[in-house]
Structures are given as C-alpha cells and as structure tokens.
Amino acid sequence: MNPVRVTLLPGGELPRDLAARWSALQRAVPSLASPYFAPGFTQAVAAVRPDVMVAVLEDEAGAWGFFPFQQGRDGVGRPVGGRLSDFQGVIAAEDASWDAAALVRACGLRAWRFDHLLASQAPWRPCHWTTAPSPYVDLSSGFEAYRRERREAGSREIEQIVYKTRKAGRRTGTVRFEPHTPDDAVFGALLRWKRAQYQATGQPDLTALPWVVQLLDRVRHAREEGFAGALAALYLGDRLAAVHLGMRSSSVLHYWLPAYDPELSRSSPGQLCLVELLRAAAAQGLRRLDLGKGQEPYKTRLTSDAVLVAEGAADLRPLARALGQRWFQLRRWARRSPLRRPLLGPVRWLRRNLAARAQE
C-alpha cells in the first residue's frame, strides 16, 4: 500500500507540470477515460468556485495520484461539481493502493461523500453503501457496427429513431445537426428549456445557481487537447429543436445536459439529437459515449455495457457514519414503499432545499 503523503493545492493553482502528470495518468488508465477525470474539468469548476482543492499523492519518486474534491460545511467534502459530477475517484494507476481514511484525514476533512464513485477503486469499497450501473454506448467499431449490434440484441430503438428522423425531414424540409456551435442563442435556449424541465419534474433547478451557469459557459468554450466542451444543436427546418451540452476527453463523450423545445415534443427531438450525437462522436474517432447513472428506459435500450459506480461516504466520525448509512437506507425504503406517492411532494421540497444548500 502506497503511503498517503499529501500536498494540498487550490484547484485553480495546479502547476503545469502536475497537470501534465495528471493527464498522463488519465490517458494510461482505461477506467479513467471520462472527461470528469481530466484536470480540465477540475480546473473549470475551480474557476467558478473557491472551495475546490486537489490532493497530490506523492512518494519518493514524485506524484503518483490526484484526488480532487470540494471542501464543504463542517469539514465534509464532496465531489468536484457536486450534482453535476457523474464520475468520481482518485486519478491513479489501477493497481495503486491507499488507505481511504488516511487520505480523507490528510485532506483536512472529517468525511468525503460520493454518489458516482468508480466502484473498481478497491480502497473505497468499505465505504460503499450501494452500487449501480452507469451505462455507456460502445462506439469503438463505429456507429454502423453499434447500430447492427443493437439490432441483433433485439433493440429497435435506433431503427425507430432513424425512421423518426426521416419522417421529420419530410415534414420540415430538412433535419440539420451541428456537433458544436459557439452560438450564444443556442446556449440560452438550453438554459431556458432546462429550467422549464426542472420546474415540471420538481427537481432542484441547478441553473438557478450562478456558479453552475458560469461553469457550463466555461465548459462549452473549453478546447484543450484532453478536455473540450461540445454544444450540439438539432434543427427541424429552420427551427432549433434540441440542444445538448456535453464534454469529451480524447476518447469519451459524456452525455451531460440535453434539452429540447417542448412545443416540438411530438417529433421526439431529444431522441433525434442523441442519435446524431452518436453518429458524430463515432465519426470523430471517439470510442464511447457515457450516458450516466440512471434507470431511464432509453438508456436500457441504447446501452452496450455499463461501469459500476458507488454511493456512500468515507466518514471518520463513527456516529455520523452510522447515521448517514441509516438515512440512505430509509430514503431507499421510501422510494420503494407504497407510501411513496403521498410522500413525494414533501420529499421533493426537502430535496430541493437540501440540494440548494449543498451547491451554494
């Protein structure tokens, strides 16, 4: 087990040589291919939040790992980006070993909570409360090979969406897709539609937080070698129908913030945009599109495979550790209980308020 010798740095003050070492580690480890593990993502969040830190794990030979986190209230750390973070963990070689409690202590934290942690990182396993699949689309052999694999697996999702695209083209004249646009009006539409979606579903409105909007704007303009934003736009005729803001590493595109014009919902613009994203990603040589953790039916129909992610906490406080796990079990019971529907309103109100506090 590597000794946990840690140097703490503000996320916005990472020296160029350490950022290069971080990037080299990420490229060398397949499980870290997501853009969330690129130094560019941590630096983007650090540019809009002052609480982002990076723990540099070192030994006599130099830096062998990086652990980005956000400092929270009462010494409780959280993943960089909070609810916007779909992958979390230590950037290190797959066979690297460390003590989770010692790392948390060395970071000056009482606890570190996570909800999308790479379950394959063994030192964190005693801290897991539960695990779940985070599905992805395998584009390593190209879009048509993926489309054929889905058809052979019995899924007609891609074929149905392709048919809808042709139908929409006949009705509107053209279906036009831009894999990336710098147009501010497209970004504005994304925010507007996303806010309406959050209101309709009762989810916390992340776009109401100024730092979130600043982060999204920063990501869409990112153009680094291993980290870049992609603001995609789908038009039906001359009308903007769907938008997606994603980010990519050198090999993976993350399906991040999709939105569409609700007045055009009959044309399934969100689905059309997703399939065009898959085509474009494969054409750019990207090997994977990550869909993120969730049980939405479309993910089941589109997914090639999944990465296992964990929720839990590395908590140095015995009582808080036990209470945290108990609270998680209670929430999971409530979601499955016959009383779920009458409890839904109060739970949504509580979730919105807790999420707003956590993201401030």
Protein backbone atom coordinates (compact mmCIF):
# COMPACT_ATOMS: atom_id res chain seq x y z
CA MET A 1 0.00 0.00 0.00
CA ASN A 2 1.37 3.40 -1.03
CA PRO A 3 1.87 5.76 1.93
CA VAL A 4 -0.56 8.67 1.87
CA ARG A 5 1.77 11.66 1.68
CA VAL A 6 -0.38 14.52 0.51
CA THR A 7 0.21 18.05 -0.71
CA LEU A 8 -2.96 20.16 -0.90
CA LEU A 9 -3.34 22.72 -3.66
CA PRO A 10 -6.22 25.02 -4.62
CA GLY A 11 -7.82 23.64 -7.76
CA GLY A 12 -7.12 26.82 -9.67
CA GLU A 13 -3.41 26.81 -8.84
CA LEU A 14 -2.31 23.44 -10.21
CA PRO A 15 1.19 23.85 -11.69
CA ARG A 16 1.62 22.96 -15.35
CA ASP A 17 3.94 20.03 -14.65
CA LEU A 18 1.47 18.44 -12.24
CA ALA A 19 -1.41 18.97 -14.68
CA ALA A 20 0.69 17.19 -17.33
CA ARG A 21 1.40 14.31 -14.93
CA TRP A 22 -2.32 14.10 -14.14
CA SER A 23 -3.18 13.97 -17.85
CA ALA A 24 -0.59 11.27 -18.47
CA LEU A 25 -2.02 9.13 -15.67
CA GLN A 26 -5.54 9.56 -17.02
CA ARG A 27 -4.53 8.54 -20.55
CA ALA A 28 -2.74 5.43 -19.23
CA VAL A 29 -5.70 4.08 -17.22
CA PRO A 30 -8.77 2.95 -19.26
CA SER A 31 -11.17 3.27 -16.31
CA LEU A 32 -10.29 6.99 -16.08
CA ALA A 33 -11.14 7.83 -19.70
CA SER A 34 -14.14 10.01 -18.76
CA PRO A 35 -13.67 13.79 -19.13
CA TYR A 36 -14.66 14.07 -15.47
CA PHE A 37 -11.21 12.68 -14.63
CA ALA A 38 -9.37 15.23 -16.78
CA PRO A 39 -7.61 18.07 -14.96
CA GLY A 40 -9.54 20.44 -17.22
CA PHE A 41 -12.85 19.65 -15.53
CA THR A 42 -11.49 20.27 -12.03
CA GLN A 43 -9.84 23.49 -13.21
CA ALA A 44 -13.10 24.65 -14.83
CA VAL A 45 -15.03 24.14 -11.58
CA ALA A 46 -12.22 25.78 -9.59
CA ALA A 47 -12.52 28.86 -11.80
CA VAL A 48 -16.09 29.44 -10.56
CA ARG A 49 -15.89 28.03 -7.02
CA PRO A 50 -13.25 28.87 -4.38
CA ASP A 51 -13.66 25.60 -2.44
CA VAL A 52 -12.10 23.21 -4.98
CA MET A 53 -8.93 21.50 -3.79
CA VAL A 54 -6.57 18.90 -5.25
CA ALA A 55 -4.73 16.43 -3.05
CA VAL A 56 -1.49 15.42 -4.76
CA LEU A 57 -0.49 11.92 -3.59
CA GLU A 58 3.27 11.53 -3.55
CA ASP A 59 6.15 9.24 -2.69
CA GLU A 60 9.92 9.45 -3.15
CA ALA A 61 9.53 9.17 -6.94
CA GLY A 62 7.05 12.05 -7.15
CA ALA A 63 3.29 12.38 -7.75
CA TRP A 64 1.51 9.05 -8.26
CA GLY A 65 -2.09 10.16 -7.77
CA PHE A 66 -4.52 13.09 -7.65
CA PHE A 67 -7.70 13.44 -5.60
CA PRO A 68 -9.87 16.46 -6.46
CA PHE A 69 -12.65 17.44 -4.04
CA GLN A 70 -14.77 20.31 -2.80
CA GLN A 71 -14.49 21.47 0.78
CA GLY A 72 -17.91 21.53 2.44
CA ARG A 73 -19.62 22.62 5.61
CA ASP A 74 -18.37 21.13 8.88
CA GLY A 75 -15.39 19.50 7.21
CA VAL A 76 -17.48 17.27 4.93
CA GLY A 77 -16.04 17.13 1.42
CA ARG A 78 -17.91 16.44 -1.80
CA PRO A 79 -17.01 15.57 -5.38
CA VAL A 80 -15.93 18.39 -7.67
CA GLY A 81 -19.01 19.77 -9.37
CA GLY A 82 -21.45 18.34 -6.83
CA ARG A 83 -24.64 17.13 -8.50
CA LEU A 84 -23.09 17.82 -11.91
CA SER A 85 -20.48 15.11 -11.29
CA ASP A 86 -21.21 11.73 -12.89
CA PHE A 87 -17.83 10.07 -12.20
CA GLN A 88 -15.62 10.39 -9.12
CA GLY A 89 -12.46 8.89 -7.67
CA VAL A 90 -8.70 9.10 -7.36
CA ILE A 91 -6.69 9.58 -10.54
CA ALA A 92 -4.03 6.90 -10.15
CA ALA A 93 -2.83 3.64 -11.69
CA GLU A 94 -5.30 0.77 -11.40
CA ASP A 95 -3.00 -1.17 -9.07
CA ALA A 96 -2.34 1.82 -6.80
CA SER A 97 -3.34 1.33 -3.19
CA TRP A 98 -4.01 3.78 -0.39
CA ASP A 99 -5.95 3.97 2.87
CA ALA A 100 -9.25 5.82 2.37
CA ALA A 101 -9.48 7.09 5.96
CA ALA A 102 -5.89 8.30 5.90
CA LEU A 103 -6.49 10.14 2.62
CA VAL A 104 -9.61 11.87 3.96
CA ARG A 105 -7.73 12.86 7.12
CA ALA A 106 -4.76 14.16 5.12
CA CYS A 107 -7.15 16.35 3.14
CA GLY A 108 -8.26 18.03 6.37
CA LEU A 109 -11.75 16.53 6.09
CA ARG A 110 -13.97 14.72 8.55
CA ALA A 111 -15.72 12.92 5.71
CA TRP A 112 -15.98 12.68 1.93
CA ARG A 113 -19.37 11.83 0.45
CA PHE A 114 -19.75 10.39 -3.03
CA ASP A 115 -22.53 9.16 -5.30
CA HIS A 116 -20.80 8.26 -8.61
CA LEU A 117 -17.53 6.78 -7.38
CA LEU A 118 -15.74 4.23 -9.56
CA ALA A 119 -16.62 1.01 -7.75
CA SER A 120 -13.48 -0.61 -9.15
CA GLN A 121 -11.27 1.51 -6.87
CA ALA A 122 -10.71 -1.05 -4.10
CA PRO A 123 -9.56 1.26 -1.25
CA TRP A 124 -13.01 2.91 -1.17
CA ARG A 125 -15.03 -0.33 -1.06
CA PRO A 126 -15.53 -0.43 2.74
CA CYS A 127 -17.19 2.99 2.34
CA HIS A 128 -19.81 1.88 -0.22
CA TRP A 129 -23.49 1.93 0.71
CA THR A 130 -24.71 0.68 -2.65
CA THR A 131 -23.62 0.32 -6.27
CA ALA A 132 -25.40 0.94 -9.56
CA PRO A 133 -24.59 0.65 -13.27
CA SER A 134 -23.62 3.73 -15.26
CA PRO A 135 -24.41 2.72 -18.86
CA TYR A 136 -22.44 3.63 -21.95
CA VAL A 137 -22.56 3.20 -25.73
CA ASP A 138 -19.60 1.41 -27.30
CA LEU A 139 -18.57 3.24 -30.49
CA SER A 140 -15.12 1.68 -30.82
CA SER A 141 -16.07 -0.04 -34.09
CA GLY A 142 -18.09 2.88 -35.46
CA PHE A 143 -21.74 3.89 -35.47
CA GLU A 144 -22.99 1.33 -38.00
CA ALA A 145 -21.38 -1.51 -36.06
CA TYR A 146 -23.07 -0.28 -32.89
CA ARG A 147 -26.39 0.06 -34.74
CA ARG A 148 -26.05 -3.52 -36.00
CA GLU A 149 -25.18 -4.79 -32.50
CA ARG A 150 -28.31 -3.16 -31.05
CA ARG A 151 -30.47 -4.67 -33.79
CA GLU A 152 -29.01 -8.12 -33.20
CA ALA A 153 -29.59 -7.72 -29.46
CA GLY A 154 -33.32 -7.24 -30.16
CA SER A 155 -33.46 -3.47 -29.60
CA ARG A 156 -35.29 -1.47 -32.28
CA GLU A 157 -34.59 1.89 -30.62
CA ILE A 158 -32.02 3.10 -33.15
CA GLU A 159 -34.11 2.00 -36.13
CA GLN A 160 -37.18 3.75 -34.75
CA ILE A 161 -35.26 6.98 -34.18
CA VAL A 162 -33.73 6.83 -37.67
CA TYR A 163 -37.26 6.42 -39.06
CA LYS A 164 -38.45 9.42 -37.00
CA THR A 165 -35.56 11.47 -38.37
CA ARG A 166 -36.59 10.71 -41.96
CA LYS A 167 -40.20 11.47 -41.14
CA ALA A 168 -39.25 14.79 -39.53
CA GLY A 169 -37.16 15.62 -42.59
CA ARG A 170 -40.08 15.02 -44.92
CA ARG A 171 -42.33 17.19 -42.75
CA THR A 172 -39.98 20.11 -42.12
CA GLY A 173 -37.82 20.01 -45.23
CA THR A 174 -34.51 19.34 -43.51
CA VAL A 175 -33.08 17.91 -40.31
CA ARG A 176 -29.79 19.67 -39.59
CA PHE A 177 -27.35 18.76 -36.86
CA GLU A 178 -24.34 20.76 -35.66
CA PRO A 179 -21.97 18.76 -33.39
CA HIS A 180 -20.69 22.02 -31.89
CA THR A 181 -21.79 25.61 -32.19
CA PRO A 182 -20.50 28.78 -30.48
CA ASP A 183 -23.92 30.41 -30.88
CA ASP A 184 -24.94 32.16 -27.63
CA ALA A 185 -28.62 31.89 -28.59
CA VAL A 186 -28.34 28.09 -28.60
CA PHE A 187 -26.80 28.17 -25.13
CA GLY A 188 -29.61 30.46 -23.97
CA ALA A 189 -32.21 28.02 -25.30
CA LEU A 190 -30.54 25.18 -23.41
CA LEU A 191 -30.79 27.10 -20.12
CA ARG A 192 -34.39 28.15 -20.78
CA TRP A 193 -35.61 24.67 -21.65
CA LYS A 194 -33.66 23.11 -18.81
CA ARG A 195 -35.25 25.44 -16.27
CA ALA A 196 -38.70 24.56 -17.57
CA GLN A 197 -37.85 20.86 -17.31
CA TYR A 198 -36.66 21.20 -13.71
CA GLN A 199 -39.86 23.04 -12.80
CA ALA A 200 -42.08 20.45 -14.46
CA THR A 201 -40.38 17.49 -12.78
CA GLY A 202 -39.88 19.05 -9.35
CA GLN A 203 -36.11 18.58 -9.49
CA PRO A 204 -33.71 21.13 -7.98
CA ASP A 205 -33.05 23.86 -10.55
CA LEU A 206 -29.28 23.80 -10.86
CA THR A 207 -29.37 26.58 -13.45
CA ALA A 208 -30.64 28.95 -10.75
CA LEU A 209 -27.15 28.84 -9.21
CA PRO A 210 -24.85 31.46 -10.79
CA TRP A 211 -21.73 29.30 -10.49
CA VAL A 212 -23.43 26.47 -12.40
CA VAL A 213 -24.26 28.74 -15.35
CA GLN A 214 -20.71 30.11 -15.26
CA LEU A 215 -19.32 26.56 -15.28
CA LEU A 216 -21.49 25.48 -18.22
CA ASP A 217 -20.42 28.56 -20.16
CA ARG A 218 -16.77 27.84 -19.38
CA VAL A 219 -17.07 24.18 -20.39
CA ARG A 220 -18.73 24.96 -23.73
CA HIS A 221 -15.74 27.12 -24.64
CA ALA A 222 -13.09 24.64 -23.43
CA ARG A 223 -10.76 23.50 -26.21
CA GLU A 224 -7.90 21.61 -24.56
CA GLU A 225 -6.29 18.52 -26.01
CA GLY A 226 -7.81 16.14 -23.45
CA PHE A 227 -10.83 18.17 -22.37
CA ALA A 228 -13.31 20.06 -24.53
CA GLY A 229 -16.92 21.12 -24.45
CA ALA A 230 -19.42 20.40 -27.22
CA LEU A 231 -22.64 22.40 -27.60
CA ALA A 232 -24.67 20.46 -30.17
CA ALA A 233 -27.78 21.75 -31.90
CA LEU A 234 -30.53 19.96 -33.85
CA TYR A 235 -32.73 21.94 -36.23
CA LEU A 236 -36.03 20.88 -37.79
CA GLY A 237 -36.22 23.08 -40.83
CA ASP A 238 -35.04 26.49 -39.63
CA ARG A 239 -36.24 25.94 -36.06
CA LEU A 240 -33.94 24.98 -33.19
CA ALA A 241 -35.46 21.80 -31.77
CA ALA A 242 -32.94 20.27 -29.36
CA VAL A 243 -29.65 21.15 -27.70
CA HIS A 244 -27.05 19.14 -25.85
CA LEU A 245 -24.09 20.39 -23.85
CA GLY A 246 -21.53 17.66 -23.34
CA MET A 247 -17.84 17.37 -22.70
CA ARG A 248 -15.26 14.98 -24.00
CA SER A 249 -11.81 13.62 -23.29
CA SER A 250 -9.58 12.26 -26.04
CA SER A 251 -11.72 9.11 -26.31
CA VAL A 252 -15.04 9.61 -24.46
CA LEU A 253 -18.02 11.94 -24.90
CA HIS A 254 -20.22 12.39 -21.84
CA TYR A 255 -23.97 12.82 -22.41
CA TRP A 256 -24.47 15.64 -19.92
CA LEU A 257 -27.19 18.29 -20.33
CA PRO A 258 -29.81 17.61 -23.03
CA ALA A 259 -32.89 19.77 -23.59
CA TYR A 260 -35.47 20.26 -26.32
CA ASP A 261 -38.31 22.56 -27.34
CA PRO A 262 -41.41 21.14 -25.57
CA GLU A 263 -43.62 22.51 -28.36
CA LEU A 264 -41.94 20.01 -30.73
CA SER A 265 -42.15 17.01 -28.42
CA ARG A 266 -44.25 15.03 -30.94
CA SER A 267 -41.20 14.86 -33.19
CA SER A 268 -39.01 13.39 -30.38
CA PRO A 269 -36.25 15.97 -30.95
CA GLY A 270 -34.29 14.79 -27.91
CA GLN A 271 -34.04 11.27 -29.32
CA LEU A 272 -33.12 12.55 -32.76
CA CYS A 273 -30.38 14.69 -31.25
CA LEU A 274 -28.95 11.77 -29.27
CA VAL A 275 -28.62 9.53 -32.33
CA GLU A 276 -26.95 12.33 -34.28
CA LEU A 277 -24.57 12.78 -31.34
CA LEU A 278 -23.68 9.09 -31.58
CA ARG A 279 -23.00 9.41 -35.32
CA ALA A 280 -20.86 12.49 -34.84
CA ALA A 281 -18.90 11.04 -31.90
CA ALA A 282 -18.07 7.89 -33.88
CA ALA A 283 -17.04 9.99 -36.90
CA GLN A 284 -14.67 11.97 -34.65
CA GLY A 285 -12.99 8.75 -33.52
CA LEU A 286 -14.43 8.74 -30.00
CA ARG A 287 -14.75 5.24 -28.60
CA ARG A 288 -17.54 5.68 -26.08
CA LEU A 289 -20.50 7.83 -25.14
CA ASP A 290 -21.27 7.74 -21.42
CA LEU A 291 -24.97 8.05 -20.60
CA GLY A 292 -24.58 8.47 -16.82
CA LYS A 293 -26.17 6.59 -13.94
CA GLY A 294 -29.95 6.23 -14.13
CA GLN A 295 -32.77 3.84 -14.96
CA GLU A 296 -34.42 5.74 -17.78
CA PRO A 297 -35.87 3.30 -20.34
CA TYR A 298 -33.97 4.80 -23.28
CA LYS A 299 -30.67 4.02 -21.56
CA THR A 300 -31.64 0.37 -21.22
CA ARG A 301 -32.48 0.21 -24.92
CA LEU A 302 -29.35 2.01 -26.10
CA THR A 303 -26.66 0.78 -23.72
CA SER A 304 -23.84 -1.51 -24.80
CA ASP A 305 -22.47 -2.09 -21.31
CA ALA A 306 -22.04 -0.26 -18.01
CA VAL A 307 -19.47 0.89 -15.48
CA LEU A 308 -20.30 0.17 -11.85
CA VAL A 309 -20.41 3.27 -9.62
CA ALA A 310 -20.92 3.52 -5.87
CA GLU A 311 -22.70 5.78 -3.40
CA GLY A 312 -21.51 6.16 0.17
CA ALA A 313 -19.15 8.06 2.43
CA ALA A 314 -15.66 7.81 3.83
CA ASP A 315 -16.53 9.20 7.27
CA LEU A 316 -14.08 9.47 10.15
CA ARG A 317 -16.92 10.07 12.66
CA PRO A 318 -18.37 6.72 13.82
CA LEU A 319 -21.80 8.10 14.81
CA ALA A 320 -22.18 10.21 11.67
CA ARG A 321 -21.07 7.23 9.57
CA ALA A 322 -23.80 5.01 11.08
CA LEU A 323 -26.48 7.71 10.83
CA GLY A 324 -25.56 8.50 7.22
CA GLN A 325 -25.92 4.90 6.14
CA ARG A 326 -29.20 4.58 8.06
CA TRP A 327 -30.58 7.72 6.38
CA PHE A 328 -29.62 6.32 2.97
CA GLN A 329 -31.43 3.04 3.74
CA LEU A 330 -34.51 4.97 4.87
CA ARG A 331 -34.58 7.00 1.64
CA ARG A 332 -34.25 3.83 -0.42
CA TRP A 333 -37.14 2.23 1.51
CA ALA A 334 -39.28 5.34 0.95
CA ARG A 335 -38.69 5.18 -2.82
CA ARG A 336 -39.91 1.58 -2.90
CA SER A 337 -42.75 1.95 -0.37
CA PRO A 338 -46.48 2.01 -1.27
CA LEU A 339 -46.49 5.35 0.60
CA ARG A 340 -44.12 6.82 -1.98
CA ARG A 341 -46.77 8.83 -3.85
CA PRO A 342 -48.22 10.74 -0.84
CA LEU A 343 -44.67 11.37 0.39
CA LEU A 344 -43.45 12.60 -2.98
CA GLY A 345 -44.42 16.26 -2.52
CA PRO A 346 -42.73 16.80 0.86
CA VAL A 347 -39.70 14.76 -0.24
CA ARG A 348 -39.27 16.87 -3.39
CA TRP A 349 -39.48 20.06 -1.32
CA LEU A 350 -36.86 18.75 1.11
CA ARG A 351 -34.62 17.54 -1.71
CA ARG A 352 -34.75 20.90 -3.48
CA ASN A 353 -33.81 22.77 -0.32
CA LEU A 354 -31.03 20.37 0.70
CA ALA A 355 -29.61 20.37 -2.84
CA ALA A 356 -29.63 24.16 -2.96
CA ARG A 357 -27.74 24.35 0.34
CA ALA A 358 -25.20 21.73 -0.74
CA GLN A 359 -24.49 23.54 -4.02
CA GLU A 360 -24.11 27.07 -2.64
